Amino acid sequence: MERTGDRARVVVCDTGALGSPDLAQVDLLARLELTARRSGGRIRLRAPAPALLALLAAVGLRFQTERQSEEGEPARGVEEAVETGDPAR
């Protein structure tokens, strides 16, 4: 869970390993979103499959999503430490 600038809590759900999307996954995500909203938060999906996003849209649900990091790129919100004297890359 992370807090955004407006003090809202965001729960990040990594959906990358869920496999083929089905209505059970849609039901689970809808219940998680409802619970998060009742406590003043939101759900954000990490690495959702295009088929999952299409299924969610088909049933009228919208979720925030995170973009995936490119290979070699640090994850969003992670800063790489640089020490003095390190050569520029």
PDB file of N, CA and C in Angstrom:
ATOM      1  N   MET A   1       0.852  -1.169   0.000  1.00  0.00           N
ATOM      2  CA  MET A   1       0.000   0.000   0.000  1.00  0.00           C
ATOM      3  C   MET A   1       0.897   1.231   0.000  1.00  0.00           C
ATOM      4  N   GLU A   2       0.501   2.209  -0.744  1.00  0.00           N
ATOM      5  CA  GLU A   2       1.263   3.454  -0.774  1.00  0.00           C
ATOM      6  C   GLU A   2       0.294   4.625  -0.657  1.00  0.00           C
ATOM      7  N   ARG A   3       0.796   5.727  -0.172  1.00  0.00           N
ATOM      8  CA  ARG A   3      -0.032   6.930  -0.051  1.00  0.00           C
ATOM      9  C   ARG A   3       0.343   7.879  -1.185  1.00  0.00           C
ATOM     10  N   THR A   4      -0.665   8.442  -1.801  1.00  0.00           N
ATOM     11  CA  THR A   4      -0.417   9.423  -2.851  1.00  0.00           C
ATOM     12  C   THR A   4      -0.377  10.800  -2.209  1.00  0.00           C
ATOM     13  N   GLY A   5      -0.112  11.819  -2.985  1.00  0.00           N
ATOM     14  CA  GLY A   5       0.022  13.171  -2.457  1.00  0.00           C
ATOM     15  C   GLY A   5      -1.216  13.683  -1.748  1.00  0.00           C
ATOM     16  N   ASP A   6      -2.388  13.242  -2.160  1.00  0.00           N
ATOM     17  CA  ASP A   6      -3.611  13.720  -1.514  1.00  0.00           C
ATOM     18  C   ASP A   6      -4.025  12.820  -0.355  1.00  0.00           C
ATOM     19  N   ARG A   7      -3.122  12.059   0.163  1.00  0.00           N
ATOM     20  CA  ARG A   7      -3.301  11.194   1.327  1.00  0.00           C
ATOM     21  C   ARG A   7      -4.203   9.993   1.063  1.00  0.00           C
ATOM     22  N   ALA A   8      -4.581   9.740  -0.184  1.00  0.00           N
ATOM     23  CA  ALA A   8      -5.364   8.550  -0.504  1.00  0.00           C
ATOM     24  C   ALA A   8      -4.452   7.331  -0.503  1.00  0.00           C
ATOM     25  N   ARG A   9      -4.958   6.237  -0.018  1.00  0.00           N
ATOM     26  CA  ARG A   9      -4.174   5.012  -0.013  1.00  0.00           C
ATOM     27  C   ARG A   9      -4.417   4.242  -1.300  1.00  0.00           C
ATOM     28  N   VAL A  10      -3.343   3.702  -1.861  1.00  0.00           N
ATOM     29  CA  VAL A  10      -3.431   2.935  -3.098  1.00  0.00           C
ATOM     30  C   VAL A  10      -2.837   1.557  -2.838  1.00  0.00           C
ATOM     31  N   VAL A  11      -3.604   0.525  -3.154  1.00  0.00           N
ATOM     32  CA  VAL A  11      -3.135  -0.846  -3.045  1.00  0.00           C
ATOM     33  C   VAL A  11      -2.770  -1.302  -4.450  1.00  0.00           C
ATOM     34  N   VAL A  12      -1.529  -1.736  -4.641  1.00  0.00           N
ATOM     35  CA  VAL A  12      -1.067  -2.187  -5.942  1.00  0.00           C
ATOM     36  C   VAL A  12      -1.213  -3.703  -6.007  1.00  0.00           C
ATOM     37  N   CYS A  13      -1.991  -4.184  -6.981  1.00  0.00           N
ATOM     38  CA  CYS A  13      -2.199  -5.621  -7.174  1.00  0.00           C
ATOM     39  C   CYS A  13      -1.438  -6.049  -8.420  1.00  0.00           C
ATOM     40  N   ASP A  14      -0.446  -6.915  -8.237  1.00  0.00           N
ATOM     41  CA  ASP A  14       0.325  -7.425  -9.374  1.00  0.00           C
ATOM     42  C   ASP A  14      -0.478  -8.553 -10.010  1.00  0.00           C
ATOM     43  N   THR A  15      -1.040  -8.296 -11.184  1.00  0.00           N
ATOM     44  CA  THR A  15      -1.893  -9.265 -11.857  1.00  0.00           C
ATOM     45  C   THR A  15      -1.167 -10.017 -12.964  1.00  0.00           C
ATOM     46  N   GLY A  16       0.134  -9.834 -13.064  1.00  0.00           N
ATOM     47  CA  GLY A  16       0.903 -10.425 -14.147  1.00  0.00           C
ATOM     48  C   GLY A  16       0.911 -11.940 -14.182  1.00  0.00           C
ATOM     49  N   ALA A  17       0.736 -12.598 -13.051  1.00  0.00           N
ATOM     50  CA  ALA A  17       0.821 -14.059 -13.002  1.00  0.00           C
ATOM     51  C   ALA A  17      -0.542 -14.733 -12.855  1.00  0.00           C
ATOM     52  N   LEU A  18      -1.613 -14.010 -13.112  1.00  0.00           N
ATOM     53  CA  LEU A  18      -2.944 -14.590 -12.918  1.00  0.00           C
ATOM     54  C   LEU A  18      -3.318 -15.626 -13.966  1.00  0.00           C
ATOM     55  N   GLY A  19      -2.706 -15.602 -15.114  1.00  0.00           N
ATOM     56  CA  GLY A  19      -3.090 -16.549 -16.167  1.00  0.00           C
ATOM     57  C   GLY A  19      -4.257 -16.012 -16.970  1.00  0.00           C
ATOM     58  N   SER A  20      -4.995 -16.914 -17.610  1.00  0.00           N
ATOM     59  CA  SER A  20      -6.126 -16.510 -18.447  1.00  0.00           C
ATOM     60  C   SER A  20      -7.212 -15.861 -17.594  1.00  0.00           C
ATOM     61  N   PRO A  21      -7.631 -14.662 -17.966  1.00  0.00           N
ATOM     62  CA  PRO A  21      -8.637 -13.976 -17.155  1.00  0.00           C
ATOM     63  C   PRO A  21      -9.999 -14.660 -17.259  1.00  0.00           C
ATOM     64  N   ASP A  22     -10.726 -14.643 -16.150  1.00  0.00           N
ATOM     65  CA  ASP A  22     -12.075 -15.181 -16.123  1.00  0.00           C
ATOM     66  C   ASP A  22     -12.920 -14.334 -15.172  1.00  0.00           C
ATOM     67  N   LEU A  23     -14.178 -14.677 -15.070  1.00  0.00           N
ATOM     68  CA  LEU A  23     -15.072 -13.870 -14.243  1.00  0.00           C
ATOM     69  C   LEU A  23     -14.765 -13.989 -12.759  1.00  0.00           C
ATOM     70  N   ALA A  24     -14.119 -15.061 -12.325  1.00  0.00           N
ATOM     71  CA  ALA A  24     -13.716 -15.170 -10.920  1.00  0.00           C
ATOM     72  C   ALA A  24     -12.678 -14.106 -10.586  1.00  0.00           C
ATOM     73  N   GLN A  25     -11.743 -13.844 -11.492  1.00  0.00           N
ATOM     74  CA  GLN A  25     -10.745 -12.793 -11.278  1.00  0.00           C
ATOM     75  C   GLN A  25     -11.406 -11.420 -11.271  1.00  0.00           C
ATOM     76  N   VAL A  26     -12.368 -11.216 -12.172  1.00  0.00           N
ATOM     77  CA  VAL A  26     -13.098  -9.948 -12.222  1.00  0.00           C
ATOM     78  C   VAL A  26     -13.836  -9.733 -10.903  1.00  0.00           C
ATOM     79  N   ASP A  27     -14.487 -10.782 -10.403  1.00  0.00           N
ATOM     80  CA  ASP A  27     -15.210 -10.695  -9.134  1.00  0.00           C
ATOM     81  C   ASP A  27     -14.257 -10.350  -7.992  1.00  0.00           C
ATOM     82  N   LEU A  28     -13.106 -11.012  -7.951  1.00  0.00           N
ATOM     83  CA  LEU A  28     -12.116 -10.748  -6.905  1.00  0.00           C
ATOM     84  C   LEU A  28     -11.636  -9.301  -6.948  1.00  0.00           C
ATOM     85  N   LEU A  29     -11.284  -8.822  -8.139  1.00  0.00           N
ATOM     86  CA  LEU A  29     -10.801  -7.449  -8.264  1.00  0.00           C
ATOM     87  C   LEU A  29     -11.893  -6.438  -7.911  1.00  0.00           C
ATOM     88  N   ALA A  30     -13.135  -6.725  -8.293  1.00  0.00           N
ATOM     89  CA  ALA A  30     -14.240  -5.821  -7.955  1.00  0.00           C
ATOM     90  C   ALA A  30     -14.439  -5.757  -6.442  1.00  0.00           C
ATOM     91  N   ARG A  31     -14.334  -6.898  -5.769  1.00  0.00           N
ATOM     92  CA  ARG A  31     -14.483  -6.922  -4.313  1.00  0.00           C
ATOM     93  C   ARG A  31     -13.331  -6.187  -3.623  1.00  0.00           C
ATOM     94  N   LEU A  32     -12.116  -6.365  -4.140  1.00  0.00           N
ATOM     95  CA  LEU A  32     -10.969  -5.651  -3.585  1.00  0.00           C
ATOM     96  C   LEU A  32     -11.137  -4.141  -3.748  1.00  0.00           C
ATOM     97  N   GLU A  33     -11.593  -3.720  -4.916  1.00  0.00           N
ATOM     98  CA  GLU A  33     -11.803  -2.288  -5.173  1.00  0.00           C
ATOM     99  C   GLU A  33     -12.881  -1.738  -4.245  1.00  0.00           C
ATOM    100  N   LEU A  34     -13.950  -2.469  -4.055  1.00  0.00           N
ATOM    101  CA  LEU A  34     -15.023  -2.022  -3.169  1.00  0.00           C
ATOM    102  C   LEU A  34     -14.522  -1.876  -1.733  1.00  0.00           C
ATOM    103  N   THR A  35     -13.758  -2.858  -1.273  1.00  0.00           N
ATOM    104  CA  THR A  35     -13.203  -2.798   0.082  1.00  0.00           C
ATOM    105  C   THR A  35     -12.245  -1.620   0.216  1.00  0.00           C
ATOM    106  N   ALA A  36     -11.381  -1.413  -0.792  1.00  0.00           N
ATOM    107  CA  ALA A  36     -10.430  -0.301  -0.752  1.00  0.00           C
ATOM    108  C   ALA A  36     -11.162   1.037  -0.725  1.00  0.00           C
ATOM    109  N   ARG A  37     -12.193   1.180  -1.535  1.00  0.00           N
ATOM    110  CA  ARG A  37     -12.938   2.449  -1.570  1.00  0.00           C
ATOM    111  C   ARG A  37     -13.651   2.726  -0.255  1.00  0.00           C
ATOM    112  N   ARG A  38     -14.174   1.677   0.354  1.00  0.00           N
ATOM    113  CA  ARG A  38     -14.860   1.863   1.640  1.00  0.00           C
ATOM    114  C   ARG A  38     -13.905   2.357   2.722  1.00  0.00           C
ATOM    115  N   SER A  39     -12.624   2.024   2.589  1.00  0.00           N
ATOM    116  CA  SER A  39     -11.644   2.483   3.578  1.00  0.00           C
ATOM    117  C   SER A  39     -10.872   3.709   3.095  1.00  0.00           C
ATOM    118  N   GLY A  40     -11.344   4.347   2.024  1.00  0.00           N
ATOM    119  CA  GLY A  40     -10.742   5.582   1.543  1.00  0.00           C
ATOM    120  C   GLY A  40      -9.581   5.382   0.593  1.00  0.00           C
ATOM    121  N   GLY A  41      -9.457   4.220  -0.007  1.00  0.00           N
ATOM    122  CA  GLY A  41      -8.340   3.947  -0.900  1.00  0.00           C
ATOM    123  C   GLY A  41      -8.784   3.587  -2.306  1.00  0.00           C
ATOM    124  N   ARG A  42      -7.844   3.088  -3.075  1.00  0.00           N
ATOM    125  CA  ARG A  42      -8.068   2.669  -4.465  1.00  0.00           C
ATOM    126  C   ARG A  42      -7.217   1.445  -4.750  1.00  0.00           C
ATOM    127  N   ILE A  43      -7.511   0.763  -5.835  1.00  0.00           N
ATOM    128  CA  ILE A  43      -6.723  -0.362  -6.327  1.00  0.00           C
ATOM    129  C   ILE A  43      -6.021   0.090  -7.605  1.00  0.00           C
ATOM    130  N   ARG A  44      -4.763  -0.267  -7.748  1.00  0.00           N
ATOM    131  CA  ARG A  44      -4.022  -0.018  -8.994  1.00  0.00           C
ATOM    132  C   ARG A  44      -3.486  -1.369  -9.461  1.00  0.00           C
ATOM    133  N   LEU A  45      -3.686  -1.704 -10.736  1.00  0.00           N
ATOM    134  CA  LEU A  45      -3.237  -2.978 -11.280  1.00  0.00           C
ATOM    135  C   LEU A  45      -1.848  -2.835 -11.880  1.00  0.00           C
ATOM    136  N   ARG A  46      -0.987  -3.777 -11.534  1.00  0.00           N
ATOM    137  CA  ARG A  46       0.363  -3.823 -12.107  1.00  0.00           C
ATOM    138  C   ARG A  46       0.407  -4.987 -13.095  1.00  0.00           C
ATOM    139  N   ALA A  47       0.874  -4.718 -14.284  1.00  0.00           N
ATOM    140  CA  ALA A  47       1.077  -5.712 -15.339  1.00  0.00           C
ATOM    141  C   ALA A  47      -0.190  -6.469 -15.712  1.00  0.00           C
ATOM    142  N   PRO A  48      -1.321  -5.760 -15.912  1.00  0.00           N
ATOM    143  CA  PRO A  48      -2.523  -6.490 -16.316  1.00  0.00           C
ATOM    144  C   PRO A  48      -2.427  -6.948 -17.766  1.00  0.00           C
ATOM    145  N   ALA A  49      -2.879  -8.152 -18.036  1.00  0.00           N
ATOM    146  CA  ALA A  49      -2.907  -8.671 -19.404  1.00  0.00           C
ATOM    147  C   ALA A  49      -3.957  -7.905 -20.199  1.00  0.00           C
ATOM    148  N   PRO A  50      -3.723  -7.698 -21.485  1.00  0.00           N
ATOM    149  CA  PRO A  50      -4.727  -7.014 -22.306  1.00  0.00           C
ATOM    150  C   PRO A  50      -6.091  -7.711 -22.256  1.00  0.00           C
ATOM    151  N   ALA A  51      -6.097  -9.033 -22.179  1.00  0.00           N
ATOM    152  CA  ALA A  51      -7.363  -9.771 -22.108  1.00  0.00           C
ATOM    153  C   ALA A  51      -8.101  -9.466 -20.803  1.00  0.00           C
ATOM    154  N   LEU A  52      -7.362  -9.285 -19.698  1.00  0.00           N
ATOM    155  CA  LEU A  52      -7.996  -8.937 -18.426  1.00  0.00           C
ATOM    156  C   LEU A  52      -8.603  -7.540 -18.506  1.00  0.00           C
ATOM    157  N   LEU A  53      -7.868  -6.597 -19.088  1.00  0.00           N
ATOM    158  CA  LEU A  53      -8.392  -5.235 -19.242  1.00  0.00           C
ATOM    159  C   LEU A  53      -9.636  -5.219 -20.119  1.00  0.00           C
ATOM    160  N   ALA A  54      -9.641  -6.046 -21.181  1.00  0.00           N
ATOM    161  CA  ALA A  54     -10.809  -6.125 -22.056  1.00  0.00           C
ATOM    162  C   ALA A  54     -12.008  -6.712 -21.321  1.00  0.00           C
ATOM    163  N   LEU A  55     -11.771  -7.738 -20.507  1.00  0.00           N
ATOM    164  CA  LEU A  55     -12.858  -8.350 -19.747  1.00  0.00           C
ATOM    165  C   LEU A  55     -13.417  -7.376 -18.707  1.00  0.00           C
ATOM    166  N   LEU A  56     -12.519  -6.660 -18.028  1.00  0.00           N
ATOM    167  CA  LEU A  56     -12.969  -5.653 -17.057  1.00  0.00           C
ATOM    168  C   LEU A  56     -13.808  -4.571 -17.748  1.00  0.00           C
ATOM    169  N   ALA A  57     -13.370  -4.130 -18.916  1.00  0.00           N
ATOM    170  CA  ALA A  57     -14.114  -3.119 -19.666  1.00  0.00           C
ATOM    171  C   ALA A  57     -15.466  -3.665 -20.119  1.00  0.00           C
ATOM    172  N   ALA A  58     -15.516  -4.943 -20.487  1.00  0.00           N
ATOM    173  CA  ALA A  58     -16.762  -5.552 -20.955  1.00  0.00           C
ATOM    174  C   ALA A  58     -17.825  -5.581 -19.862  1.00  0.00           C
ATOM    175  N   VAL A  59     -17.392  -5.704 -18.603  1.00  0.00           N
ATOM    176  CA  VAL A  59     -18.360  -5.725 -17.502  1.00  0.00           C
ATOM    177  C   VAL A  59     -18.516  -4.345 -16.864  1.00  0.00           C
ATOM    178  N   GLY A  60     -17.844  -3.336 -17.431  1.00  0.00           N
ATOM    179  CA  GLY A  60     -18.031  -1.961 -16.980  1.00  0.00           C
ATOM    180  C   GLY A  60     -17.172  -1.535 -15.805  1.00  0.00           C
ATOM    181  N   LEU A  61     -16.060  -2.216 -15.576  1.00  0.00           N
ATOM    182  CA  LEU A  61     -15.156  -1.852 -14.482  1.00  0.00           C
ATOM    183  C   LEU A  61     -13.910  -1.190 -15.033  1.00  0.00           C
ATOM    184  N   ARG A  62     -13.458  -0.147 -14.326  1.00  0.00           N
ATOM    185  CA  ARG A  62     -12.219   0.547 -14.702  1.00  0.00           C
ATOM    186  C   ARG A  62     -11.301   0.580 -13.501  1.00  0.00           C
ATOM    187  N   PHE A  63     -10.036   0.313 -13.737  1.00  0.00           N
ATOM    188  CA  PHE A  63      -9.024   0.349 -12.691  1.00  0.00           C
ATOM    189  C   PHE A  63      -7.863   1.196 -13.166  1.00  0.00           C
ATOM    190  N   GLN A  64      -7.173   1.811 -12.219  1.00  0.00           N
ATOM    191  CA  GLN A  64      -5.914   2.470 -12.538  1.00  0.00           C
ATOM    192  C   GLN A  64      -4.905   1.371 -12.851  1.00  0.00           C
ATOM    193  N   THR A  65      -3.981   1.649 -13.755  1.00  0.00           N
ATOM    194  CA  THR A  65      -2.941   0.672 -14.077  1.00  0.00           C
ATOM    195  C   THR A  65      -1.575   1.334 -13.991  1.00  0.00           C
ATOM    196  N   GLU A  66      -0.558   0.510 -13.733  1.00  0.00           N
ATOM    197  CA  GLU A  66       0.832   0.970 -13.750  1.00  0.00           C
ATOM    198  C   GLU A  66       1.460   0.513 -15.043  1.00  0.00           C
ATOM    199  N   ARG A  67       2.310   1.333 -15.565  1.00  0.00           N
ATOM    200  CA  ARG A  67       3.039   0.877 -16.748  1.00  0.00           C
ATOM    201  C   ARG A  67       4.164  -0.026 -16.299  1.00  0.00           C
ATOM    202  N   GLN A  68       4.541  -0.965 -17.164  1.00  0.00           N
ATOM    203  CA  GLN A  68       5.627  -1.865 -16.822  1.00  0.00           C
ATOM    204  C   GLN A  68       6.958  -1.174 -17.085  1.00  0.00           C
ATOM    205  N   SER A  69       7.948  -1.486 -16.249  1.00  0.00           N
ATOM    206  CA  SER A  69       9.283  -0.927 -16.438  1.00  0.00           C
ATOM    207  C   SER A  69       9.957  -1.614 -17.619  1.00  0.00           C
ATOM    208  N   GLU A  70      10.678  -0.833 -18.396  1.00  0.00           N
ATOM    209  CA  GLU A  70      11.464  -1.405 -19.482  1.00  0.00           C
ATOM    210  C   GLU A  70      12.637  -2.167 -18.885  1.00  0.00           C
ATOM    211  N   GLU A  71      13.205  -3.078 -19.659  1.00  0.00           N
ATOM    212  CA  GLU A  71      14.347  -3.844 -19.171  1.00  0.00           C
ATOM    213  C   GLU A  71      15.485  -2.896 -18.843  1.00  0.00           C
ATOM    214  N   GLY A  72      16.031  -3.021 -17.651  1.00  0.00           N
ATOM    215  CA  GLY A  72      17.129  -2.183 -17.213  1.00  0.00           C
ATOM    216  C   GLY A  72      16.676  -0.868 -16.596  1.00  0.00           C
ATOM    217  N   GLU A  73      15.392  -0.579 -16.684  1.00  0.00           N
ATOM    218  CA  GLU A  73      14.854   0.653 -16.113  1.00  0.00           C
ATOM    219  C   GLU A  73      14.353   0.355 -14.703  1.00  0.00           C
ATOM    220  N   PRO A  74      14.690   1.194 -13.734  1.00  0.00           N
ATOM    221  CA  PRO A  74      14.203   0.937 -12.378  1.00  0.00           C
ATOM    222  C   PRO A  74      12.686   1.046 -12.314  1.00  0.00           C
ATOM    223  N   ALA A  75      12.093   0.312 -11.403  1.00  0.00           N
ATOM    224  CA  ALA A  75      10.649   0.358 -11.217  1.00  0.00           C
ATOM    225  C   ALA A  75      10.230   1.769 -10.836  1.00  0.00           C
ATOM    226  N   ARG A  76       8.999   2.119 -11.158  1.00  0.00           N
ATOM    227  CA  ARG A  76       8.471   3.442 -10.871  1.00  0.00           C
ATOM    228  C   ARG A  76       8.547   3.723  -9.370  1.00  0.00           C
ATOM    229  N   GLY A  77       9.053   4.902  -9.019  1.00  0.00           N
ATOM    230  CA  GLY A  77       9.152   5.270  -7.610  1.00  0.00           C
ATOM    231  C   GLY A  77      10.435   4.804  -6.953  1.00  0.00           C
ATOM    232  N   VAL A  78      11.311   4.141  -7.714  1.00  0.00           N
ATOM    233  CA  VAL A  78      12.586   3.662  -7.168  1.00  0.00           C
ATOM    234  C   VAL A  78      13.692   4.505  -7.771  1.00  0.00           C
ATOM    235  N   GLU A  79      14.536   5.045  -6.920  1.00  0.00           N
ATOM    236  CA  GLU A  79      15.643   5.855  -7.405  1.00  0.00           C
ATOM    237  C   GLU A  79      16.936   5.073  -7.287  1.00  0.00           C
ATOM    238  N   GLU A  80      17.761   5.180  -8.312  1.00  0.00           N
ATOM    239  CA  GLU A  80      19.055   4.507  -8.308  1.00  0.00           C
ATOM    240  C   GLU A  80      20.052   5.397  -7.569  1.00  0.00           C
ATOM    241  N   ALA A  81      20.778   4.794  -6.639  1.00  0.00           N
ATOM    242  CA  ALA A  81      21.777   5.542  -5.877  1.00  0.00           C
ATOM    243  C   ALA A  81      23.030   5.733  -6.715  1.00  0.00           C
ATOM    244  N   VAL A  82      23.597   6.929  -6.664  1.00  0.00           N
ATOM    245  CA  VAL A  82      24.836   7.233  -7.368  1.00  0.00           C
ATOM    246  C   VAL A  82      25.815   7.764  -6.342  1.00  0.00           C
ATOM    247  N   GLU A  83      26.996   7.186  -6.342  1.00  0.00           N
ATOM    248  CA  GLU A  83      28.008   7.626  -5.391  1.00  0.00           C
ATOM    249  C   GLU A  83      28.954   8.609  -6.063  1.00  0.00           C
ATOM    250  N   THR A  84      29.463   9.542  -5.266  1.00  0.00           N
ATOM    251  CA  THR A  84      30.399  10.518  -5.782  1.00  0.00           C
ATOM    252  C   THR A  84      31.615   9.809  -6.344  1.00  0.00           C
ATOM    253  N   GLY A  85      32.031  10.212  -7.519  1.00  0.00           N
ATOM    254  CA  GLY A  85      33.179   9.613  -8.150  1.00  0.00           C
ATOM    255  C   GLY A  85      32.819   8.510  -9.140  1.00  0.00           C
ATOM    256  N   ASP A  86      31.546   8.130  -9.205  1.00  0.00           N
ATOM    257  CA  ASP A  86      31.129   7.137 -10.200  1.00  0.00           C
ATOM    258  C   ASP A  86      31.196   7.774 -11.576  1.00  0.00           C
ATOM    259  N   PRO A  87      31.721   7.034 -12.565  1.00  0.00           N
ATOM    260  CA  PRO A  87      31.756   7.588 -13.918  1.00  0.00           C
ATOM    261  C   PRO A  87      30.345   7.680 -14.489  1.00  0.00           C
ATOM    262  N   ALA A  88      30.134   8.668 -15.332  1.00  0.00           N
ATOM    263  CA  ALA A  88      28.823   8.829 -15.983  1.00  0.00           C
ATOM    264  C   ALA A  88      28.616   7.684 -16.968  1.00  0.00           C
ATOM    265  N   ARG A  89      27.374   7.243 -17.109  1.00  0.00           N
ATOM    266  CA  ARG A  89      27.087   6.155 -18.067  1.00  0.00           C
ATOM    267  C   ARG A  89      26.484   6.686 -19.320  1.00  0.00           C
TER     268      ARG A  89
END
